[in-house]
């Protein structure tokens, strides 16, 4: 999973990071961090469904500790990573 930093994107398109942030928020209605969080949740769901990794290892892969990852995941999805994983069909 690769993310470009806001500063790098701003530099590449020759605008200030503040202006880029303002423009994204104005046009999309969300702070750029919102889209970053969506990407993390999407990656987390994919790993929880398709990977045998433990939740703790998935958290580390996504640069979280297990406790903070579980809180973050529940805040964004309404359920814990464990309950999300249990609901997925077994292959």
N, C-alpha and C. Protein backbone atom coordinates (compact mmCIF):
# COMPACT_ATOMS: atom_id res chain seq x y z
N UNK A 1 0.86 -1.17 0.00
CA UNK A 1 0.00 0.00 0.00
C UNK A 1 0.90 1.23 0.00
N UNK A 2 0.69 2.09 -0.96
CA UNK A 2 1.54 3.28 -1.06
C UNK A 2 0.67 4.53 -1.08
N UNK A 3 1.09 5.49 -0.30
CA UNK A 3 0.39 6.76 -0.23
C UNK A 3 1.37 7.87 -0.56
N UNK A 4 0.92 8.83 -1.35
CA UNK A 4 1.74 10.01 -1.57
C UNK A 4 1.39 11.03 -0.49
N UNK A 5 2.38 11.64 0.06
CA UNK A 5 2.14 12.68 1.07
C UNK A 5 1.58 13.93 0.40
N UNK A 6 0.74 14.62 1.13
CA UNK A 6 0.12 15.85 0.63
C UNK A 6 1.19 16.85 0.18
N UNK A 7 2.26 16.97 0.95
CA UNK A 7 3.34 17.90 0.59
C UNK A 7 3.97 17.54 -0.75
N UNK A 8 4.15 16.25 -0.99
CA UNK A 8 4.75 15.81 -2.24
C UNK A 8 3.81 16.08 -3.42
N UNK A 9 2.54 15.81 -3.23
CA UNK A 9 1.56 16.08 -4.29
C UNK A 9 1.55 17.58 -4.60
N UNK A 10 1.51 18.40 -3.56
CA UNK A 10 1.50 19.85 -3.75
C UNK A 10 2.74 20.31 -4.52
N UNK A 11 3.88 19.77 -4.14
CA UNK A 11 5.13 20.13 -4.82
C UNK A 11 5.06 19.74 -6.30
N UNK A 12 4.52 18.54 -6.58
CA UNK A 12 4.45 18.05 -7.96
C UNK A 12 3.55 18.90 -8.84
N UNK A 13 2.52 19.49 -8.26
CA UNK A 13 1.61 20.31 -9.06
C UNK A 13 1.83 21.81 -8.83
N UNK A 14 2.90 22.13 -8.12
CA UNK A 14 3.36 23.52 -7.93
C UNK A 14 2.33 24.41 -7.22
N UNK A 15 1.77 23.89 -6.13
CA UNK A 15 0.91 24.69 -5.26
C UNK A 15 1.35 24.45 -3.82
N UNK A 16 0.91 25.31 -2.92
CA UNK A 16 1.27 25.10 -1.52
C UNK A 16 0.41 23.98 -0.94
N UNK A 17 0.93 23.25 0.05
CA UNK A 17 0.13 22.21 0.71
C UNK A 17 -1.17 22.77 1.29
N UNK A 18 -1.10 23.98 1.84
CA UNK A 18 -2.29 24.60 2.41
C UNK A 18 -3.35 24.84 1.34
N UNK A 19 -2.92 25.33 0.19
CA UNK A 19 -3.86 25.57 -0.91
C UNK A 19 -4.45 24.26 -1.42
N UNK A 20 -3.63 23.23 -1.54
CA UNK A 20 -4.11 21.93 -2.00
C UNK A 20 -5.15 21.37 -1.03
N UNK A 21 -4.85 21.46 0.25
CA UNK A 21 -5.77 20.98 1.28
C UNK A 21 -7.10 21.73 1.20
N UNK A 22 -7.01 23.04 1.09
CA UNK A 22 -8.21 23.89 0.99
C UNK A 22 -9.04 23.51 -0.25
N UNK A 23 -8.36 23.34 -1.37
CA UNK A 23 -9.05 23.02 -2.62
C UNK A 23 -9.74 21.66 -2.56
N UNK A 24 -9.05 20.67 -2.02
CA UNK A 24 -9.65 19.34 -1.88
C UNK A 24 -10.88 19.42 -1.00
N UNK A 25 -10.74 20.10 0.13
CA UNK A 25 -11.86 20.20 1.06
C UNK A 25 -13.03 20.96 0.42
N UNK A 26 -12.74 22.01 -0.31
CA UNK A 26 -13.79 22.80 -0.97
C UNK A 26 -14.50 21.99 -2.05
N UNK A 27 -13.74 21.27 -2.85
CA UNK A 27 -14.31 20.54 -3.99
C UNK A 27 -14.98 19.22 -3.58
N UNK A 28 -14.41 18.53 -2.62
CA UNK A 28 -14.91 17.21 -2.25
C UNK A 28 -15.72 17.20 -0.95
N UNK A 29 -15.59 18.27 -0.17
CA UNK A 29 -16.34 18.34 1.08
C UNK A 29 -15.69 17.64 2.25
N UNK A 30 -14.50 17.13 2.05
CA UNK A 30 -13.77 16.41 3.10
C UNK A 30 -12.32 16.84 3.12
N UNK A 31 -11.73 16.79 4.30
CA UNK A 31 -10.30 17.02 4.46
C UNK A 31 -9.56 15.87 3.78
N UNK A 32 -8.38 16.12 3.23
CA UNK A 32 -7.62 15.04 2.60
C UNK A 32 -7.39 13.83 3.50
N UNK A 33 -7.29 14.05 4.81
CA UNK A 33 -7.10 12.93 5.73
C UNK A 33 -8.24 11.93 5.67
N UNK A 34 -9.43 12.39 5.33
CA UNK A 34 -10.59 11.51 5.19
C UNK A 34 -10.32 10.45 4.13
N UNK A 35 -9.76 10.86 3.00
CA UNK A 35 -9.49 9.93 1.90
C UNK A 35 -8.36 8.97 2.25
N UNK A 36 -7.40 9.45 3.01
CA UNK A 36 -6.32 8.59 3.52
C UNK A 36 -6.92 7.50 4.40
N UNK A 37 -7.82 7.89 5.30
CA UNK A 37 -8.45 6.92 6.19
C UNK A 37 -9.29 5.91 5.41
N UNK A 38 -9.99 6.36 4.38
CA UNK A 38 -10.76 5.43 3.55
C UNK A 38 -9.85 4.39 2.90
N UNK A 39 -8.69 4.82 2.45
CA UNK A 39 -7.73 3.90 1.83
C UNK A 39 -7.23 2.88 2.85
N UNK A 40 -6.96 3.33 4.06
CA UNK A 40 -6.52 2.40 5.10
C UNK A 40 -7.62 1.38 5.41
N UNK A 41 -8.86 1.84 5.54
CA UNK A 41 -9.97 0.92 5.81
C UNK A 41 -10.13 -0.07 4.67
N UNK A 42 -10.04 0.39 3.45
CA UNK A 42 -10.14 -0.50 2.29
C UNK A 42 -9.04 -1.56 2.31
N UNK A 43 -7.82 -1.15 2.59
CA UNK A 43 -6.70 -2.09 2.66
C UNK A 43 -6.87 -3.05 3.82
N UNK A 44 -7.35 -2.54 4.96
CA UNK A 44 -7.57 -3.39 6.12
C UNK A 44 -8.62 -4.46 5.82
N UNK A 45 -9.71 -4.07 5.20
CA UNK A 45 -10.77 -5.04 4.86
C UNK A 45 -10.23 -6.11 3.92
N UNK A 46 -9.48 -5.69 2.93
CA UNK A 46 -8.92 -6.66 1.99
C UNK A 46 -8.01 -7.65 2.71
N UNK A 47 -7.16 -7.14 3.59
CA UNK A 47 -6.27 -8.04 4.34
C UNK A 47 -7.05 -8.95 5.29
N UNK A 48 -8.06 -8.43 5.93
CA UNK A 48 -8.87 -9.24 6.85
C UNK A 48 -9.60 -10.36 6.10
N UNK A 49 -10.01 -10.09 4.89
CA UNK A 49 -10.73 -11.09 4.09
C UNK A 49 -9.77 -12.09 3.45
N UNK A 50 -8.68 -11.62 2.89
CA UNK A 50 -7.84 -12.45 2.03
C UNK A 50 -6.51 -12.90 2.62
N UNK A 51 -6.21 -12.48 3.82
CA UNK A 51 -4.90 -12.80 4.39
C UNK A 51 -5.04 -13.65 5.65
N UNK A 52 -4.11 -14.57 5.84
CA UNK A 52 -4.12 -15.35 7.08
C UNK A 52 -3.45 -14.60 8.24
N UNK A 53 -2.95 -13.39 7.99
CA UNK A 53 -2.27 -12.63 9.03
C UNK A 53 -3.20 -12.37 10.21
N UNK A 54 -2.62 -12.35 11.39
CA UNK A 54 -3.40 -11.99 12.58
C UNK A 54 -3.78 -10.52 12.50
N UNK A 55 -4.76 -10.14 13.28
CA UNK A 55 -5.18 -8.74 13.31
C UNK A 55 -4.03 -7.85 13.78
N UNK A 56 -3.25 -8.33 14.74
CA UNK A 56 -2.10 -7.56 15.22
C UNK A 56 -1.08 -7.34 14.11
N UNK A 57 -0.86 -8.36 13.27
CA UNK A 57 0.10 -8.21 12.17
C UNK A 57 -0.44 -7.31 11.07
N UNK A 58 -1.74 -7.38 10.84
CA UNK A 58 -2.35 -6.47 9.88
C UNK A 58 -2.21 -5.03 10.39
N UNK A 59 -2.45 -4.83 11.67
CA UNK A 59 -2.30 -3.50 12.27
C UNK A 59 -0.89 -2.98 12.05
N UNK A 60 0.11 -3.80 12.32
CA UNK A 60 1.50 -3.38 12.12
C UNK A 60 1.78 -3.07 10.66
N UNK A 61 1.25 -3.89 9.78
CA UNK A 61 1.43 -3.67 8.34
C UNK A 61 0.88 -2.30 7.93
N UNK A 62 -0.19 -1.88 8.59
CA UNK A 62 -0.82 -0.59 8.29
C UNK A 62 -0.30 0.53 9.20
N UNK A 63 0.77 0.26 9.91
CA UNK A 63 1.47 1.20 10.81
C UNK A 63 0.65 1.61 12.03
N UNK A 64 -0.10 0.68 12.58
CA UNK A 64 -0.86 0.89 13.81
C UNK A 64 -0.41 -0.15 14.83
N UNK A 65 -0.64 0.15 16.13
CA UNK A 65 -0.56 -0.93 17.10
C UNK A 65 -1.96 -1.55 17.13
N UNK A 66 -2.06 -2.77 17.65
CA UNK A 66 -3.32 -3.53 17.57
C UNK A 66 -4.49 -2.79 18.21
N UNK A 67 -4.28 -2.19 19.37
CA UNK A 67 -5.36 -1.51 20.08
C UNK A 67 -5.88 -0.31 19.31
N UNK A 68 -4.97 0.54 18.86
CA UNK A 68 -5.40 1.71 18.09
C UNK A 68 -6.03 1.33 16.76
N UNK A 69 -5.52 0.28 16.14
CA UNK A 69 -6.11 -0.18 14.88
C UNK A 69 -7.55 -0.63 15.10
N UNK A 70 -7.79 -1.39 16.15
CA UNK A 70 -9.15 -1.86 16.43
C UNK A 70 -10.10 -0.69 16.67
N UNK A 71 -9.65 0.30 17.43
CA UNK A 71 -10.48 1.49 17.68
C UNK A 71 -10.75 2.25 16.38
N UNK A 72 -9.71 2.44 15.59
CA UNK A 72 -9.84 3.14 14.31
C UNK A 72 -10.80 2.39 13.40
N UNK A 73 -10.63 1.09 13.27
CA UNK A 73 -11.47 0.28 12.39
C UNK A 73 -12.93 0.35 12.84
N UNK A 74 -13.16 0.22 14.14
CA UNK A 74 -14.54 0.26 14.65
C UNK A 74 -15.17 1.63 14.43
N UNK A 75 -14.40 2.69 14.61
CA UNK A 75 -14.92 4.04 14.40
C UNK A 75 -15.39 4.22 12.96
N UNK A 76 -14.67 3.66 12.02
CA UNK A 76 -14.99 3.85 10.60
C UNK A 76 -15.98 2.84 10.05
N UNK A 77 -16.07 1.65 10.65
CA UNK A 77 -16.94 0.61 10.09
C UNK A 77 -18.09 0.22 11.01
N UNK A 78 -17.99 0.57 12.28
CA UNK A 78 -19.03 0.20 13.23
C UNK A 78 -18.85 -1.18 13.83
N UNK A 79 -17.76 -1.85 13.49
CA UNK A 79 -17.48 -3.17 14.06
C UNK A 79 -15.98 -3.37 14.22
N UNK A 80 -15.62 -4.31 15.06
CA UNK A 80 -14.20 -4.58 15.28
C UNK A 80 -13.64 -5.37 14.10
N UNK A 81 -12.33 -5.35 13.93
CA UNK A 81 -11.73 -6.16 12.87
C UNK A 81 -12.07 -7.65 13.01
N UNK A 82 -12.09 -8.12 14.26
CA UNK A 82 -12.41 -9.53 14.49
C UNK A 82 -13.83 -9.89 14.07
N UNK A 83 -14.79 -9.04 14.41
CA UNK A 83 -16.17 -9.35 14.01
C UNK A 83 -16.34 -9.21 12.50
N UNK A 84 -15.65 -8.26 11.89
CA UNK A 84 -15.70 -8.13 10.43
C UNK A 84 -15.17 -9.41 9.79
N UNK A 85 -14.04 -9.90 10.27
CA UNK A 85 -13.42 -11.09 9.70
C UNK A 85 -14.31 -12.31 9.88
N UNK A 86 -14.93 -12.45 11.03
CA UNK A 86 -15.79 -13.62 11.30
C UNK A 86 -17.00 -13.67 10.37
N UNK A 87 -17.48 -12.52 9.94
CA UNK A 87 -18.65 -12.47 9.06
C UNK A 87 -18.35 -12.85 7.61
N UNK A 88 -17.07 -12.93 7.27
CA UNK A 88 -16.70 -13.21 5.89
C UNK A 88 -16.82 -14.70 5.60
N UNK A 89 -17.30 -15.05 4.40
CA UNK A 89 -17.41 -16.48 4.04
C UNK A 89 -16.04 -17.13 3.98
N UNK A 90 -15.98 -18.34 4.43
CA UNK A 90 -14.72 -19.12 4.38
C UNK A 90 -14.55 -19.71 2.99
N UNK A 91 -13.31 -19.68 2.51
CA UNK A 91 -13.07 -20.28 1.19
C UNK A 91 -12.39 -21.61 1.32
